[in-house]
């Protein structure tokens, strides 16, 4: 019974994270359409830069990328 509870909690966490990122994705598509005329190139570059900053700023290195 313990494994069923663990599986249910893990599954609900994964579903929650997917739904959050789905919402973020749709918001960014809206920003892209509204402000940039639907040109995904600029939001792609912005996303790459923002992602690198999120990985770099906490410990001032990009060692997280090495784990990939």
PDB file of N, CA and C in Angstrom:
ATOM      1  N   UNK A   1       0.819  -1.195   0.000  1.00  0.00           N
ATOM      2  CA  UNK A   1       0.000   0.000   0.000  1.00  0.00           C
ATOM      3  C   UNK A   1       0.861   1.256   0.000  1.00  0.00           C
ATOM      4  N   UNK A   2       2.038   1.152   0.605  1.00  0.00           N
ATOM      5  CA  UNK A   2       2.946   2.290   0.673  1.00  0.00           C
ATOM      6  C   UNK A   2       3.423   2.703  -0.719  1.00  0.00           C
ATOM      7  N   UNK A   3       3.649   1.715  -1.585  1.00  0.00           N
ATOM      8  CA  UNK A   3       4.133   2.017  -2.938  1.00  0.00           C
ATOM      9  C   UNK A   3       3.051   2.716  -3.759  1.00  0.00           C
ATOM     10  N   UNK A   4       1.797   2.368  -3.531  1.00  0.00           N
ATOM     11  CA  UNK A   4       0.697   3.016  -4.254  1.00  0.00           C
ATOM     12  C   UNK A   4       0.619   4.492  -3.859  1.00  0.00           C
ATOM     13  N   UNK A   5       0.768   4.781  -2.578  1.00  0.00           N
ATOM     14  CA  UNK A   5       0.746   6.169  -2.108  1.00  0.00           C
ATOM     15  C   UNK A   5       1.918   6.953  -2.689  1.00  0.00           C
ATOM     16  N   UNK A   6       3.104   6.337  -2.690  1.00  0.00           N
ATOM     17  CA  UNK A   6       4.288   6.985  -3.258  1.00  0.00           C
ATOM     18  C   UNK A   6       4.083   7.265  -4.746  1.00  0.00           C
ATOM     19  N   UNK A   7       3.556   6.282  -5.485  1.00  0.00           N
ATOM     20  CA  UNK A   7       3.305   6.449  -6.914  1.00  0.00           C
ATOM     21  C   UNK A   7       2.279   7.553  -7.160  1.00  0.00           C
ATOM     22  N   UNK A   8       1.220   7.579  -6.363  1.00  0.00           N
ATOM     23  CA  UNK A   8       0.180   8.599  -6.534  1.00  0.00           C
ATOM     24  C   UNK A   8       0.734   9.996  -6.266  1.00  0.00           C
ATOM     25  N   UNK A   9       1.555  10.140  -5.241  1.00  0.00           N
ATOM     26  CA  UNK A   9       2.146  11.446  -4.944  1.00  0.00           C
ATOM     27  C   UNK A   9       3.106  11.877  -6.045  1.00  0.00           C
ATOM     28  N   UNK A  10       3.904  10.947  -6.530  1.00  0.00           N
ATOM     29  CA  UNK A  10       4.846  11.275  -7.607  1.00  0.00           C
ATOM     30  C   UNK A  10       4.104  11.654  -8.878  1.00  0.00           C
ATOM     31  N   UNK A  11       3.071  10.910  -9.199  1.00  0.00           N
ATOM     32  CA  UNK A  11       2.287  11.194 -10.398  1.00  0.00           C
ATOM     33  C   UNK A  11       1.606  12.558 -10.293  1.00  0.00           C
ATOM     34  N   UNK A  12       1.059  12.878  -9.127  1.00  0.00           N
ATOM     35  CA  UNK A  12       0.407  14.183  -8.980  1.00  0.00           C
ATOM     36  C   UNK A  12       1.426  15.319  -9.075  1.00  0.00           C
ATOM     37  N   UNK A  13       2.639  15.107  -8.585  1.00  0.00           N
ATOM     38  CA  UNK A  13       3.690  16.118  -8.711  1.00  0.00           C
ATOM     39  C   UNK A  13       4.054  16.338 -10.172  1.00  0.00           C
ATOM     40  N   UNK A  14       4.221  15.255 -10.907  1.00  0.00           N
ATOM     41  CA  UNK A  14       4.573  15.355 -12.329  1.00  0.00           C
ATOM     42  C   UNK A  14       3.460  16.050 -13.106  1.00  0.00           C
ATOM     43  N   UNK A  15       2.229  15.678 -12.859  1.00  0.00           N
ATOM     44  CA  UNK A  15       1.104  16.303 -13.562  1.00  0.00           C
ATOM     45  C   UNK A  15       1.031  17.793 -13.233  1.00  0.00           C
ATOM     46  N   UNK A  16       1.239  18.139 -11.973  1.00  0.00           N
ATOM     47  CA  UNK A  16       1.235  19.548 -11.583  1.00  0.00           C
ATOM     48  C   UNK A  16       2.313  20.343 -12.293  1.00  0.00           C
ATOM     49  N   UNK A  17       3.525  19.784 -12.361  1.00  0.00           N
ATOM     50  CA  UNK A  17       4.622  20.476 -13.046  1.00  0.00           C
ATOM     51  C   UNK A  17       4.345  20.639 -14.534  1.00  0.00           C
ATOM     52  N   UNK A  18       3.804  19.608 -15.157  1.00  0.00           N
ATOM     53  CA  UNK A  18       3.484  19.693 -16.586  1.00  0.00           C
ATOM     54  C   UNK A  18       2.431  20.772 -16.830  1.00  0.00           C
ATOM     55  N   UNK A  19       1.420  20.835 -15.979  1.00  0.00           N
ATOM     56  CA  UNK A  19       0.378  21.848 -16.155  1.00  0.00           C
ATOM     57  C   UNK A  19       0.915  23.260 -15.948  1.00  0.00           C
ATOM     58  N   UNK A  20       1.824  23.425 -14.990  1.00  0.00           N
ATOM     59  CA  UNK A  20       2.444  24.740 -14.797  1.00  0.00           C
ATOM     60  C   UNK A  20       3.209  25.145 -16.045  1.00  0.00           C
ATOM     61  N   UNK A  21       4.038  24.250 -16.571  1.00  0.00           N
ATOM     62  CA  UNK A  21       4.826  24.599 -17.753  1.00  0.00           C
ATOM     63  C   UNK A  21       3.953  24.789 -18.987  1.00  0.00           C
ATOM     64  N   UNK A  22       2.823  24.077 -19.047  1.00  0.00           N
ATOM     65  CA  UNK A  22       1.881  24.294 -20.149  1.00  0.00           C
ATOM     66  C   UNK A  22       1.341  25.719 -20.088  1.00  0.00           C
ATOM     67  N   UNK A  23       0.996  26.173 -18.892  1.00  0.00           N
ATOM     68  CA  UNK A  23       0.512  27.541 -18.727  1.00  0.00           C
ATOM     69  C   UNK A  23       1.569  28.571 -19.069  1.00  0.00           C
ATOM     70  N   UNK A  24       2.799  28.338 -18.621  1.00  0.00           N
ATOM     71  CA  UNK A  24       3.902  29.249 -18.939  1.00  0.00           C
ATOM     72  C   UNK A  24       4.107  29.303 -20.448  1.00  0.00           C
ATOM     73  N   UNK A  25       4.064  28.146 -21.092  1.00  0.00           N
ATOM     74  CA  UNK A  25       4.253  28.075 -22.542  1.00  0.00           C
ATOM     75  C   UNK A  25       3.198  28.918 -23.256  1.00  0.00           C
ATOM     76  N   UNK A  26       1.923  28.769 -22.859  1.00  0.00           N
ATOM     77  CA  UNK A  26       0.854  29.535 -23.493  1.00  0.00           C
ATOM     78  C   UNK A  26       1.001  31.035 -23.236  1.00  0.00           C
ATOM     79  N   UNK A  27       1.409  31.417 -22.029  1.00  0.00           N
ATOM     80  CA  UNK A  27       1.633  32.836 -21.750  1.00  0.00           C
ATOM     81  C   UNK A  27       2.739  33.403 -22.628  1.00  0.00           C
ATOM     82  N   UNK A  28       3.817  32.659 -22.779  1.00  0.00           N
ATOM     83  CA  UNK A  28       4.911  33.141 -23.625  1.00  0.00           C
ATOM     84  C   UNK A  28       4.500  33.213 -25.092  1.00  0.00           C
ATOM     85  N   UNK A  29       3.668  32.271 -25.540  1.00  0.00           N
ATOM     86  CA  UNK A  29       3.143  32.365 -26.903  1.00  0.00           C
ATOM     87  C   UNK A  29       2.287  33.615 -27.071  1.00  0.00           C
ATOM     88  N   UNK A  30       1.511  33.956 -26.041  1.00  0.00           N
ATOM     89  CA  UNK A  30       0.700  35.170 -26.093  1.00  0.00           C
ATOM     90  C   UNK A  30       1.554  36.422 -26.149  1.00  0.00           C
ATOM     91  N   UNK A  31       2.614  36.461 -25.343  1.00  0.00           N
ATOM     92  CA  UNK A  31       3.545  37.596 -25.370  1.00  0.00           C
ATOM     93  C   UNK A  31       4.195  37.698 -26.739  1.00  0.00           C
ATOM     94  N   UNK A  32       4.573  36.547 -27.280  1.00  0.00           N
ATOM     95  CA  UNK A  32       5.201  36.508 -28.598  1.00  0.00           C
ATOM     96  C   UNK A  32       4.267  37.072 -29.664  1.00  0.00           C
ATOM     97  N   UNK A  33       3.022  36.652 -29.642  1.00  0.00           N
ATOM     98  CA  UNK A  33       2.058  37.128 -30.639  1.00  0.00           C
ATOM     99  C   UNK A  33       1.728  38.604 -30.452  1.00  0.00           C
ATOM    100  N   UNK A  34       1.575  39.016 -29.208  1.00  0.00           N
ATOM    101  CA  UNK A  34       1.140  40.379 -28.917  1.00  0.00           C
ATOM    102  C   UNK A  34       2.227  41.412 -29.181  1.00  0.00           C
ATOM    103  N   UNK A  35       3.433  41.141 -28.726  1.00  0.00           N
ATOM    104  CA  UNK A  35       4.491  42.149 -28.790  1.00  0.00           C
ATOM    105  C   UNK A  35       5.486  41.952 -29.929  1.00  0.00           C
ATOM    106  N   UNK A  36       5.643  40.729 -30.392  1.00  0.00           N
ATOM    107  CA  UNK A  36       6.671  40.464 -31.399  1.00  0.00           C
ATOM    108  C   UNK A  36       6.101  39.980 -32.728  1.00  0.00           C
ATOM    109  N   UNK A  37       4.809  40.061 -32.891  1.00  0.00           N
ATOM    110  CA  UNK A  37       4.190  39.702 -34.155  1.00  0.00           C
ATOM    111  C   UNK A  37       4.269  38.225 -34.499  1.00  0.00           C
ATOM    112  N   UNK A  38       4.420  37.370 -33.515  1.00  0.00           N
ATOM    113  CA  UNK A  38       4.458  35.933 -33.764  1.00  0.00           C
ATOM    114  C   UNK A  38       5.796  35.413 -34.229  1.00  0.00           C
ATOM    115  N   UNK A  39       6.834  36.238 -34.195  1.00  0.00           N
ATOM    116  CA  UNK A  39       8.169  35.801 -34.597  1.00  0.00           C
ATOM    117  C   UNK A  39       8.826  35.080 -33.424  1.00  0.00           C
ATOM    118  N   UNK A  40       8.940  33.759 -33.520  1.00  0.00           N
ATOM    119  CA  UNK A  40       9.460  32.954 -32.419  1.00  0.00           C
ATOM    120  C   UNK A  40      10.969  33.088 -32.238  1.00  0.00           C
ATOM    121  N   UNK A  41      11.664  33.669 -33.174  1.00  0.00           N
ATOM    122  CA  UNK A  41      13.116  33.774 -33.089  1.00  0.00           C
ATOM    123  C   UNK A  41      13.545  34.572 -31.861  1.00  0.00           C
ATOM    124  N   UNK A  42      12.907  35.724 -31.625  1.00  0.00           N
ATOM    125  CA  UNK A  42      13.310  36.576 -30.508  1.00  0.00           C
ATOM    126  C   UNK A  42      12.980  35.944 -29.168  1.00  0.00           C
ATOM    127  N   UNK A  43      11.819  35.299 -29.061  1.00  0.00           N
ATOM    128  CA  UNK A  43      11.491  34.654 -27.790  1.00  0.00           C
ATOM    129  C   UNK A  43      12.356  33.424 -27.557  1.00  0.00           C
ATOM    130  N   UNK A  44      12.803  32.772 -28.619  1.00  0.00           N
ATOM    131  CA  UNK A  44      13.718  31.636 -28.456  1.00  0.00           C
ATOM    132  C   UNK A  44      15.053  32.109 -27.890  1.00  0.00           C
ATOM    133  N   UNK A  45      15.599  33.176 -28.449  1.00  0.00           N
ATOM    134  CA  UNK A  45      16.853  33.726 -27.920  1.00  0.00           C
ATOM    135  C   UNK A  45      16.671  34.208 -26.479  1.00  0.00           C
ATOM    136  N   UNK A  46      15.570  34.875 -26.220  1.00  0.00           N
ATOM    137  CA  UNK A  46      15.292  35.339 -24.861  1.00  0.00           C
ATOM    138  C   UNK A  46      15.171  34.185 -23.879  1.00  0.00           C
ATOM    139  N   UNK A  47      14.545  33.101 -24.303  1.00  0.00           N
ATOM    140  CA  UNK A  47      14.417  31.926 -23.450  1.00  0.00           C
ATOM    141  C   UNK A  47      15.750  31.269 -23.160  1.00  0.00           C
ATOM    142  N   UNK A  48      16.609  31.206 -24.159  1.00  0.00           N
ATOM    143  CA  UNK A  48      17.944  30.626 -23.961  1.00  0.00           C
ATOM    144  C   UNK A  48      18.741  31.472 -22.975  1.00  0.00           C
ATOM    145  N   UNK A  49      18.702  32.783 -23.155  1.00  0.00           N
ATOM    146  CA  UNK A  49      19.443  33.678 -22.257  1.00  0.00           C
ATOM    147  C   UNK A  49      18.882  33.597 -20.836  1.00  0.00           C
ATOM    148  N   UNK A  50      17.567  33.610 -20.700  1.00  0.00           N
ATOM    149  CA  UNK A  50      16.955  33.517 -19.368  1.00  0.00           C
ATOM    150  C   UNK A  50      17.297  32.186 -18.707  1.00  0.00           C
ATOM    151  N   UNK A  51      17.270  31.098 -19.471  1.00  0.00           N
ATOM    152  CA  UNK A  51      17.612  29.792 -18.923  1.00  0.00           C
ATOM    153  C   UNK A  51      19.053  29.716 -18.456  1.00  0.00           C
ATOM    154  N   UNK A  52      19.962  30.266 -19.249  1.00  0.00           N
ATOM    155  CA  UNK A  52      21.372  30.279 -18.840  1.00  0.00           C
ATOM    156  C   UNK A  52      21.578  31.119 -17.583  1.00  0.00           C
ATOM    157  N   UNK A  53      20.870  32.235 -17.485  1.00  0.00           N
ATOM    158  CA  UNK A  53      20.971  33.067 -16.277  1.00  0.00           C
ATOM    159  C   UNK A  53      20.444  32.332 -15.043  1.00  0.00           C
ATOM    160  N   UNK A  54      19.334  31.622 -15.203  1.00  0.00           N
ATOM    161  CA  UNK A  54      18.775  30.859 -14.082  1.00  0.00           C
ATOM    162  C   UNK A  54      19.758  29.791 -13.619  1.00  0.00           C
ATOM    163  N   UNK A  55      20.467  29.166 -14.544  1.00  0.00           N
ATOM    164  CA  UNK A  55      21.456  28.151 -14.176  1.00  0.00           C
ATOM    165  C   UNK A  55      22.728  28.766 -13.614  1.00  0.00           C
ATOM    166  N   UNK A  56      23.102  29.947 -14.086  1.00  0.00           N
ATOM    167  CA  UNK A  56      24.378  30.553 -13.696  1.00  0.00           C
ATOM    168  C   UNK A  56      24.316  31.318 -12.368  1.00  0.00           C
ATOM    169  N   UNK A  57      23.281  32.097 -12.160  1.00  0.00           N
ATOM    170  CA  UNK A  57      23.246  33.049 -11.045  1.00  0.00           C
ATOM    171  C   UNK A  57      23.344  32.441  -9.637  1.00  0.00           C
ATOM    172  N   UNK A  58      22.714  31.328  -9.317  1.00  0.00           N
ATOM    173  CA  UNK A  58      22.791  30.849  -7.923  1.00  0.00           C
ATOM    174  C   UNK A  58      24.207  30.555  -7.435  1.00  0.00           C
ATOM    175  N   UNK A  59      25.040  29.903  -8.234  1.00  0.00           N
ATOM    176  CA  UNK A  59      26.384  29.546  -7.766  1.00  0.00           C
ATOM    177  C   UNK A  59      27.492  30.058  -8.682  1.00  0.00           C
ATOM    178  N   UNK A  60      27.142  30.926  -9.603  1.00  0.00           N
ATOM    179  CA  UNK A  60      28.097  31.594 -10.503  1.00  0.00           C
ATOM    180  C   UNK A  60      28.911  30.620 -11.360  1.00  0.00           C
ATOM    181  N   UNK A  61      28.291  29.508 -11.761  1.00  0.00           N
ATOM    182  CA  UNK A  61      28.914  28.610 -12.734  1.00  0.00           C
ATOM    183  C   UNK A  61      27.812  27.860 -13.481  1.00  0.00           C
ATOM    184  N   UNK A  62      28.209  27.155 -14.521  1.00  0.00           N
ATOM    185  CA  UNK A  62      27.251  26.408 -15.333  1.00  0.00           C
ATOM    186  C   UNK A  62      27.490  24.900 -15.224  1.00  0.00           C
ATOM    187  N   UNK A  63      27.880  24.431 -14.037  1.00  0.00           N
ATOM    188  CA  UNK A  63      28.149  23.010 -13.851  1.00  0.00           C
ATOM    189  C   UNK A  63      26.913  22.140 -14.055  1.00  0.00           C
ATOM    190  N   UNK A  64      25.716  22.712 -13.920  1.00  0.00           N
ATOM    191  CA  UNK A  64      24.500  21.937 -14.125  1.00  0.00           C
ATOM    192  C   UNK A  64      24.419  21.391 -15.548  1.00  0.00           C
ATOM    193  N   UNK A  65      24.982  22.116 -16.503  1.00  0.00           N
ATOM    194  CA  UNK A  65      24.942  21.681 -17.899  1.00  0.00           C
ATOM    195  C   UNK A  65      25.809  20.444 -18.097  1.00  0.00           C
ATOM    196  N   UNK A  66      26.872  20.304 -17.330  1.00  0.00           N
ATOM    197  CA  UNK A  66      27.743  19.131 -17.441  1.00  0.00           C
ATOM    198  C   UNK A  66      27.001  17.847 -17.097  1.00  0.00           C
ATOM    199  N   UNK A  67      25.975  17.945 -16.264  1.00  0.00           N
ATOM    200  CA  UNK A  67      25.213  16.765 -15.846  1.00  0.00           C
ATOM    201  C   UNK A  67      24.375  16.195 -16.980  1.00  0.00           C
ATOM    202  N   UNK A  68      24.156  16.975 -18.015  1.00  0.00           N
ATOM    203  CA  UNK A  68      23.356  16.498 -19.137  1.00  0.00           C
ATOM    204  C   UNK A  68      24.180  15.552 -19.945  1.00  0.00           C
TER     205      UNK A  68
END
